[in-house]
Amino acid sequence: LAGFILGAPASPWGLARDLHPALAVVAVVLGSLACAGL
């Protein structure tokens, strides 16, 4: 959801939520692509 709203700058949000860095990037990319698709 942070990736949907903020885009690429949301990746530190994933780190702050204790996600693995690779998983944080995947989550942000999924959110951003959902945003772009919409």
All heavy atoms as atom14 arrays in JSON, in Angstrom:
{
  "sequence": "LAGFILGAPASPWGLARDLHPALAVVAVVLGSLACAGL",
  "atom14_mask": [
    [1, 1, 1, 1, 1, 1, 1, 1, 0, 0, 0, 0, 0, 0],
    [1, 1, 1, 1, 1, 0, 0, 0, 0, 0, 0, 0, 0, 0],
    [1, 1, 1, 1, 0, 0, 0, 0, 0, 0, 0, 0, 0, 0],
    [1, 1, 1, 1, 1, 1, 1, 1, 1, 1, 1, 0, 0, 0],
    [1, 1, 1, 1, 1, 1, 1, 1, 0, 0, 0, 0, 0, 0],
    [1, 1, 1, 1, 1, 1, 1, 1, 0, 0, 0, 0, 0, 0],
    [1, 1, 1, 1, 0, 0, 0, 0, 0, 0, 0, 0, 0, 0],
    [1, 1, 1, 1, 1, 0, 0, 0, 0, 0, 0, 0, 0, 0],
    [1, 1, 1, 1, 1, 1, 1, 0, 0, 0, 0, 0, 0, 0],
    [1, 1, 1, 1, 1, 0, 0, 0, 0, 0, 0, 0, 0, 0],
    [1, 1, 1, 1, 1, 1, 0, 0, 0, 0, 0, 0, 0, 0],
    [1, 1, 1, 1, 1, 1, 1, 0, 0, 0, 0, 0, 0, 0],
    [1, 1, 1, 1, 1, 1, 1, 1, 1, 1, 1, 1, 1, 1],
    [1, 1, 1, 1, 0, 0, 0, 0, 0, 0, 0, 0, 0, 0],
    [1, 1, 1, 1, 1, 1, 1, 1, 0, 0, 0, 0, 0, 0],
    [1, 1, 1, 1, 1, 0, 0, 0, 0, 0, 0, 0, 0, 0],
    [1, 1, 1, 1, 1, 1, 1, 1, 1, 1, 1, 0, 0, 0],
    [1, 1, 1, 1, 1, 1, 1, 1, 0, 0, 0, 0, 0, 0],
    [1, 1, 1, 1, 1, 1, 1, 1, 0, 0, 0, 0, 0, 0],
    [1, 1, 1, 1, 1, 1, 1, 1, 1, 1, 0, 0, 0, 0],
    [1, 1, 1, 1, 1, 1, 1, 0, 0, 0, 0, 0, 0, 0],
    [1, 1, 1, 1, 1, 0, 0, 0, 0, 0, 0, 0, 0, 0],
    [1, 1, 1, 1, 1, 1, 1, 1, 0, 0, 0, 0, 0, 0],
    [1, 1, 1, 1, 1, 0, 0, 0, 0, 0, 0, 0, 0, 0],
    [1, 1, 1, 1, 1, 1, 1, 0, 0, 0, 0, 0, 0, 0],
    [1, 1, 1, 1, 1, 1, 1, 0, 0, 0, 0, 0, 0, 0],
    [1, 1, 1, 1, 1, 0, 0, 0, 0, 0, 0, 0, 0, 0],
    [1, 1, 1, 1, 1, 1, 1, 0, 0, 0, 0, 0, 0, 0],
    [1, 1, 1, 1, 1, 1, 1, 0, 0, 0, 0, 0, 0, 0],
    [1, 1, 1, 1, 1, 1, 1, 1, 0, 0, 0, 0, 0, 0],
    [1, 1, 1, 1, 0, 0, 0, 0, 0, 0, 0, 0, 0, 0],
    [1, 1, 1, 1, 1, 1, 0, 0, 0, 0, 0, 0, 0, 0],
    [1, 1, 1, 1, 1, 1, 1, 1, 0, 0, 0, 0, 0, 0],
    [1, 1, 1, 1, 1, 0, 0, 0, 0, 0, 0, 0, 0, 0],
    [1, 1, 1, 1, 1, 1, 0, 0, 0, 0, 0, 0, 0, 0],
    [1, 1, 1, 1, 1, 0, 0, 0, 0, 0, 0, 0, 0, 0],
    [1, 1, 1, 1, 0, 0, 0, 0, 0, 0, 0, 0, 0, 0],
    [1, 1, 1, 1, 1, 1, 1, 1, 0, 0, 0, 0, 0, 0]
  ],
  "atom14_positions": [
    [[0.82, -1.21, 0.0], [0.0, 0.0, 0.0], [0.86, 1.26, 0.0], [0.53, 2.24, -0.68], [-0.94, 0.0, 1.2], [-2.08, -1.02, 1.15], [-2.87, -1.02, 2.44], [-2.99, -0.77, -0.03], [0.0, 0.0, 0.0], [0.0, 0.0, 0.0], [0.0, 0.0, 0.0], [0.0, 0.0, 0.0], [0.0, 0.0, 0.0], [0.0, 0.0, 0.0]],
    [[1.96, 1.24, 0.74], [2.88, 2.39, 0.72], [3.47, 2.56, -0.67], [3.63, 3.68, -1.16], [3.97, 2.2, 1.76], [0.0, 0.0, 0.0], [0.0, 0.0, 0.0], [0.0, 0.0, 0.0], [0.0, 0.0, 0.0], [0.0, 0.0, 0.0], [0.0, 0.0, 0.0], [0.0, 0.0, 0.0], [0.0, 0.0, 0.0], [0.0, 0.0, 0.0]],
    [[3.79, 1.45, -1.34], [4.29, 1.52, -2.71], [3.24, 2.05, -3.67], [3.57, 2.77, -4.61], [0.0, 0.0, 0.0], [0.0, 0.0, 0.0], [0.0, 0.0, 0.0], [0.0, 0.0, 0.0], [0.0, 0.0, 0.0], [0.0, 0.0, 0.0], [0.0, 0.0, 0.0], [0.0, 0.0, 0.0], [0.0, 0.0, 0.0], [0.0, 0.0, 0.0]],
    [[1.98, 1.72, -3.42], [0.89, 2.22, -4.25], [0.78, 3.74, -4.13], [0.63, 4.44, -5.12], [-0.44, 1.57, -3.83], [-1.61, 1.96, -4.68], [-1.9, 1.23, -5.82], [-2.4, 3.04, -4.37], [-2.98, 1.56, -6.62], [-3.48, 3.39, -5.16], [-3.77, 2.65, -6.29], [0.0, 0.0, 0.0], [0.0, 0.0, 0.0], [0.0, 0.0, 0.0]],
    [[0.9, 4.23, -2.92], [0.73, 5.67, -2.69], [1.99, 6.46, -2.99], [1.95, 7.48, -3.66], [0.29, 5.9, -1.22], [-1.08, 5.28, -0.98], [0.27, 7.39, -0.9], [-1.48, 5.2, 0.46], [0.0, 0.0, 0.0], [0.0, 0.0, 0.0], [0.0, 0.0, 0.0], [0.0, 0.0, 0.0], [0.0, 0.0, 0.0], [0.0, 0.0, 0.0]],
    [[3.14, 5.99, -2.53], [4.38, 6.76, -2.62], [5.28, 6.38, -3.78], [6.1, 7.18, -4.2], [5.19, 6.6, -1.33], [4.54, 7.09, -0.05], [5.41, 6.73, 1.14], [4.31, 8.58, -0.12], [0.0, 0.0, 0.0], [0.0, 0.0, 0.0], [0.0, 0.0, 0.0], [0.0, 0.0, 0.0], [0.0, 0.0, 0.0], [0.0, 0.0, 0.0]],
    [[5.18, 5.17, -4.26], [6.08, 4.71, -5.32], [7.4, 4.25, -4.74], [7.47, 3.72, -3.62], [0.0, 0.0, 0.0], [0.0, 0.0, 0.0], [0.0, 0.0, 0.0], [0.0, 0.0, 0.0], [0.0, 0.0, 0.0], [0.0, 0.0, 0.0], [0.0, 0.0, 0.0], [0.0, 0.0, 0.0], [0.0, 0.0, 0.0], [0.0, 0.0, 0.0]],
    [[8.48, 4.46, -5.49], [9.8, 3.96, -5.11], [10.3, 4.43, -3.74], [10.97, 3.67, -3.04], [10.82, 4.32, -6.19], [0.0, 0.0, 0.0], [0.0, 0.0, 0.0], [0.0, 0.0, 0.0], [0.0, 0.0, 0.0], [0.0, 0.0, 0.0], [0.0, 0.0, 0.0], [0.0, 0.0, 0.0], [0.0, 0.0, 0.0], [0.0, 0.0, 0.0]],
    [[10.02, 5.66, -3.3], [10.51, 6.07, -1.98], [9.9, 5.29, -0.81], [10.3, 5.5, 0.33], [10.12, 7.54, -1.89], [9.97, 7.99, -3.28], [9.48, 6.8, -4.04], [0.0, 0.0, 0.0], [0.0, 0.0, 0.0], [0.0, 0.0, 0.0], [0.0, 0.0, 0.0], [0.0, 0.0, 0.0], [0.0, 0.0, 0.0], [0.0, 0.0, 0.0]],
    [[8.97, 4.38, -1.06], [8.35, 3.62, 0.02], [9.19, 2.44, 0.47], [8.86, 1.79, 1.46], [6.98, 3.12, -0.42], [0.0, 0.0, 0.0], [0.0, 0.0, 0.0], [0.0, 0.0, 0.0], [0.0, 0.0, 0.0], [0.0, 0.0, 0.0], [0.0, 0.0, 0.0], [0.0, 0.0, 0.0], [0.0, 0.0, 0.0], [0.0, 0.0, 0.0]],
    [[10.28, 2.13, -0.21], [11.08, 0.95, 0.17], [11.66, 1.04, 1.58], [11.7, 0.02, 2.27], [12.15, 0.66, -0.87], [12.93, 1.79, -1.12], [0.0, 0.0, 0.0], [0.0, 0.0, 0.0], [0.0, 0.0, 0.0], [0.0, 0.0, 0.0], [0.0, 0.0, 0.0], [0.0, 0.0, 0.0], [0.0, 0.0, 0.0], [0.0, 0.0, 0.0]],
    [[12.1, 2.2, 2.07], [12.53, 2.25, 3.47], [11.4, 1.93, 4.45], [11.65, 1.47, 5.56], [13.02, 3.69, 3.65], [13.46, 4.1, 2.3], [12.47, 3.43, 1.37], [0.0, 0.0, 0.0], [0.0, 0.0, 0.0], [0.0, 0.0, 0.0], [0.0, 0.0, 0.0], [0.0, 0.0, 0.0], [0.0, 0.0, 0.0], [0.0, 0.0, 0.0]],
    [[10.18, 2.16, 4.04], [9.03, 1.81, 4.87], [9.04, 0.3, 5.15], [8.77, -0.14, 6.25], [7.73, 2.21, 4.17], [6.49, 1.74, 4.82], [5.79, 0.61, 4.52], [5.77, 2.36, 5.87], [4.69, 0.49, 5.31], [4.66, 1.56, 6.16], [5.96, 3.53, 6.6], [3.74, 1.89, 7.15], [5.03, 3.85, 7.59], [3.95, 3.03, 7.85]],
    [[9.37, -0.49, 4.11], [9.46, -1.93, 4.3], [10.54, -2.32, 5.28], [10.37, -3.25, 6.07], [0.0, 0.0, 0.0], [0.0, 0.0, 0.0], [0.0, 0.0, 0.0], [0.0, 0.0, 0.0], [0.0, 0.0, 0.0], [0.0, 0.0, 0.0], [0.0, 0.0, 0.0], [0.0, 0.0, 0.0], [0.0, 0.0, 0.0], [0.0, 0.0, 0.0]],
    [[11.67, -1.63, 5.23], [12.74, -1.9, 6.21], [12.29, -1.54, 7.62], [12.59, -2.25, 8.57], [14.0, -1.1, 5.87], [14.87, -1.63, 4.74], [16.09, -0.74, 4.58], [15.29, -3.05, 4.98], [0.0, 0.0, 0.0], [0.0, 0.0, 0.0], [0.0, 0.0, 0.0], [0.0, 0.0, 0.0], [0.0, 0.0, 0.0], [0.0, 0.0, 0.0]],
    [[11.59, -0.43, 7.73], [11.11, -0.01, 9.04], [10.1, -1.01, 9.6], [9.97, -1.14, 10.82], [10.48, 1.38, 8.96], [0.0, 0.0, 0.0], [0.0, 0.0, 0.0], [0.0, 0.0, 0.0], [0.0, 0.0, 0.0], [0.0, 0.0, 0.0], [0.0, 0.0, 0.0], [0.0, 0.0, 0.0], [0.0, 0.0, 0.0], [0.0, 0.0, 0.0]],
    [[9.43, -1.72, 8.71], [8.45, -2.73, 9.14], [9.1, -4.11, 9.3], [8.4, -5.11, 9.4], [7.31, -2.81, 8.14], [6.69, -1.48, 7.78], [5.41, -1.17, 8.39], [4.52, -2.3, 8.42], [3.36, -2.27, 9.0], [2.95, -1.18, 9.55], [2.6, -3.33, 9.04], [0.0, 0.0, 0.0], [0.0, 0.0, 0.0], [0.0, 0.0, 0.0]],
    [[10.43, -4.17, 9.29], [11.21, -5.39, 9.48], [10.99, -6.43, 8.39], [10.98, -7.63, 8.65], [10.92, -6.03, 10.85], [11.43, -5.18, 12.0], [12.44, -4.49, 11.79], [10.81, -5.2, 13.07], [0.0, 0.0, 0.0], [0.0, 0.0, 0.0], [0.0, 0.0, 0.0], [0.0, 0.0, 0.0], [0.0, 0.0, 0.0], [0.0, 0.0, 0.0]],
    [[10.84, -5.97, 7.16], [10.8, -6.89, 6.02], [12.22, -7.09, 5.51], [13.07, -6.2, 5.63], [9.95, -6.31, 4.88], [8.44, -6.41, 4.99], [7.79, -5.75, 3.79], [7.98, -7.84, 5.09], [0.0, 0.0, 0.0], [0.0, 0.0, 0.0], [0.0, 0.0, 0.0], [0.0, 0.0, 0.0], [0.0, 0.0, 0.0], [0.0, 0.0, 0.0]],
    [[12.47, -8.23, 4.93], [13.75, -8.47, 4.27], [13.86, -7.46, 3.12], [12.86, -7.15, 2.46], [13.81, -9.9, 3.73], [15.13, -10.28, 3.19], [15.48, -10.03, 1.88], [16.19, -10.87, 3.78], [16.71, -10.46, 1.68], [17.16, -10.99, 2.82], [0.0, 0.0, 0.0], [0.0, 0.0, 0.0], [0.0, 0.0, 0.0], [0.0, 0.0, 0.0]],
    [[15.07, -6.91, 2.85], [15.2, -5.89, 1.8], [14.66, -6.31, 0.44], [13.99, -5.53, -0.24], [16.71, -5.64, 1.74], [17.19, -5.97, 3.11], [16.32, -7.09, 3.59], [0.0, 0.0, 0.0], [0.0, 0.0, 0.0], [0.0, 0.0, 0.0], [0.0, 0.0, 0.0], [0.0, 0.0, 0.0], [0.0, 0.0, 0.0], [0.0, 0.0, 0.0]],
    [[14.91, -7.55, 0.03], [14.4, -8.01, -1.27], [12.87, -8.06, -1.27], [12.22, -7.69, -2.25], [14.97, -9.38, -1.62], [0.0, 0.0, 0.0], [0.0, 0.0, 0.0], [0.0, 0.0, 0.0], [0.0, 0.0, 0.0], [0.0, 0.0, 0.0], [0.0, 0.0, 0.0], [0.0, 0.0, 0.0], [0.0, 0.0, 0.0], [0.0, 0.0, 0.0]],
    [[12.3, -8.48, -0.16], [10.84, -8.54, -0.05], [10.24, -7.14, -0.03], [9.15, -6.91, -0.58], [10.47, -9.31, 1.22], [9.06, -9.85, 1.31], [8.75, -10.74, 0.12], [8.87, -10.61, 2.6], [0.0, 0.0, 0.0], [0.0, 0.0, 0.0], [0.0, 0.0, 0.0], [0.0, 0.0, 0.0], [0.0, 0.0, 0.0], [0.0, 0.0, 0.0]],
    [[10.95, -6.19, 0.58], [10.48, -4.81, 0.58], [10.44, -4.24, -0.83], [9.48, -3.56, -1.22], [11.36, -3.95, 1.49], [0.0, 0.0, 0.0], [0.0, 0.0, 0.0], [0.0, 0.0, 0.0], [0.0, 0.0, 0.0], [0.0, 0.0, 0.0], [0.0, 0.0, 0.0], [0.0, 0.0, 0.0], [0.0, 0.0, 0.0], [0.0, 0.0, 0.0]],
    [[11.47, -4.53, -1.63], [11.5, -4.05, -3.02], [10.37, -4.68, -3.81], [9.68, -4.01, -4.58], [12.88, -4.32, -3.66], [12.84, -4.06, -5.16], [13.95, -3.45, -3.02], [0.0, 0.0, 0.0], [0.0, 0.0, 0.0], [0.0, 0.0, 0.0], [0.0, 0.0, 0.0], [0.0, 0.0, 0.0], [0.0, 0.0, 0.0], [0.0, 0.0, 0.0]],
    [[10.15, -5.98, -3.63], [9.06, -6.67, -4.34], [7.71, -6.05, -3.97], [6.86, -5.81, -4.84], [9.07, -8.18, -4.04], [7.81, -8.87, -4.52], [10.29, -8.83, -4.68], [0.0, 0.0, 0.0], [0.0, 0.0, 0.0], [0.0, 0.0, 0.0], [0.0, 0.0, 0.0], [0.0, 0.0, 0.0], [0.0, 0.0, 0.0], [0.0, 0.0, 0.0]],
    [[7.5, -5.78, -2.7], [6.22, -5.2, -2.25], [6.02, -3.81, -2.85], [4.92, -3.48, -3.31], [6.19, -5.13, -0.73], [0.0, 0.0, 0.0], [0.0, 0.0, 0.0], [0.0, 0.0, 0.0], [0.0, 0.0, 0.0], [0.0, 0.0, 0.0], [0.0, 0.0, 0.0], [0.0, 0.0, 0.0], [0.0, 0.0, 0.0], [0.0, 0.0, 0.0]],
    [[7.07, -3.0, -2.87], [6.96, -1.64, -3.42], [6.7, -1.71, -4.92], [5.87, -0.95, -5.46], [8.22, -0.82, -3.1], [8.25, 0.48, -3.87], [8.28, -0.53, -1.61], [0.0, 0.0, 0.0], [0.0, 0.0, 0.0], [0.0, 0.0, 0.0], [0.0, 0.0, 0.0], [0.0, 0.0, 0.0], [0.0, 0.0, 0.0], [0.0, 0.0, 0.0]],
    [[7.37, -2.6, -5.62], [7.16, -2.74, -7.07], [5.73, -3.2, -7.35], [5.07, -2.66, -8.26], [8.2, -3.7, -7.7], [7.83, -4.04, -9.12], [9.58, -3.08, -7.64], [0.0, 0.0, 0.0], [0.0, 0.0, 0.0], [0.0, 0.0, 0.0], [0.0, 0.0, 0.0], [0.0, 0.0, 0.0], [0.0, 0.0, 0.0], [0.0, 0.0, 0.0]],
    [[5.22, -4.14, -6.59], [3.83, -4.58, -6.78], [2.84, -3.44, -6.55], [1.9, -3.25, -7.33], [3.51, -5.75, -5.84], [4.11, -7.1, -6.2], [3.79, -8.11, -5.11], [3.59, -7.57, -7.54], [0.0, 0.0, 0.0], [0.0, 0.0, 0.0], [0.0, 0.0, 0.0], [0.0, 0.0, 0.0], [0.0, 0.0, 0.0], [0.0, 0.0, 0.0]],
    [[3.04, -2.69, -5.49], [2.16, -1.56, -5.21], [2.24, -0.49, -6.28], [1.22, 0.05, -6.72], [0.0, 0.0, 0.0], [0.0, 0.0, 0.0], [0.0, 0.0, 0.0], [0.0, 0.0, 0.0], [0.0, 0.0, 0.0], [0.0, 0.0, 0.0], [0.0, 0.0, 0.0], [0.0, 0.0, 0.0], [0.0, 0.0, 0.0], [0.0, 0.0, 0.0]],
    [[3.45, -0.2, -6.74], [3.63, 0.83, -7.78], [3.02, 0.39, -9.1], [2.43, 1.2, -9.82], [5.12, 1.13, -7.96], [5.63, 1.71, -6.81], [0.0, 0.0, 0.0], [0.0, 0.0, 0.0], [0.0, 0.0, 0.0], [0.0, 0.0, 0.0], [0.0, 0.0, 0.0], [0.0, 0.0, 0.0], [0.0, 0.0, 0.0], [0.0, 0.0, 0.0]],
    [[3.17, -0.88, -9.45], [2.57, -1.36, -10.7], [1.05, -1.38, -10.64], [0.38, -1.12, -11.64], [3.11, -2.75, -11.05], [4.54, -2.77, -11.55], [4.98, -4.18, -11.87], [4.71, -1.88, -12.76], [0.0, 0.0, 0.0], [0.0, 0.0, 0.0], [0.0, 0.0, 0.0], [0.0, 0.0, 0.0], [0.0, 0.0, 0.0], [0.0, 0.0, 0.0]],
    [[0.5, -1.66, -9.46], [-0.96, -1.58, -9.31], [-1.42, -0.14, -9.51], [-2.43, 0.12, -10.18], [-1.37, -2.1, -7.94], [0.0, 0.0, 0.0], [0.0, 0.0, 0.0], [0.0, 0.0, 0.0], [0.0, 0.0, 0.0], [0.0, 0.0, 0.0], [0.0, 0.0, 0.0], [0.0, 0.0, 0.0], [0.0, 0.0, 0.0], [0.0, 0.0, 0.0]],
    [[-0.67, 0.79, -8.96], [-0.98, 2.21, -9.13], [-0.89, 2.61, -10.6], [-1.79, 3.24, -11.14], [-0.01, 3.03, -8.29], [0.12, 4.75, -8.76], [0.0, 0.0, 0.0], [0.0, 0.0, 0.0], [0.0, 0.0, 0.0], [0.0, 0.0, 0.0], [0.0, 0.0, 0.0], [0.0, 0.0, 0.0], [0.0, 0.0, 0.0], [0.0, 0.0, 0.0]],
    [[0.21, 2.24, -11.25], [0.41, 2.6, -12.66], [-0.66, 1.96, -13.53], [-1.18, 2.59, -14.46], [1.8, 2.17, -13.12], [0.0, 0.0, 0.0], [0.0, 0.0, 0.0], [0.0, 0.0, 0.0], [0.0, 0.0, 0.0], [0.0, 0.0, 0.0], [0.0, 0.0, 0.0], [0.0, 0.0, 0.0], [0.0, 0.0, 0.0], [0.0, 0.0, 0.0]],
    [[-1.0, 0.71, -13.25], [-2.05, 0.05, -14.02], [-3.39, 0.75, -13.89], [-4.11, 0.92, -14.88], [0.0, 0.0, 0.0], [0.0, 0.0, 0.0], [0.0, 0.0, 0.0], [0.0, 0.0, 0.0], [0.0, 0.0, 0.0], [0.0, 0.0, 0.0], [0.0, 0.0, 0.0], [0.0, 0.0, 0.0], [0.0, 0.0, 0.0], [0.0, 0.0, 0.0]],
    [[-3.72, 1.19, -12.69], [-4.97, 1.92, -12.48], [-4.97, 3.25, -13.23], [-5.96, 3.6, -13.89], [-5.18, 2.16, -10.98], [-6.42, 2.97, -10.61], [-7.67, 2.17, -10.9], [-6.36, 3.35, -9.14], [0.0, 0.0, 0.0], [0.0, 0.0, 0.0], [0.0, 0.0, 0.0], [0.0, 0.0, 0.0], [0.0, 0.0, 0.0], [0.0, 0.0, 0.0]]
  ]
}
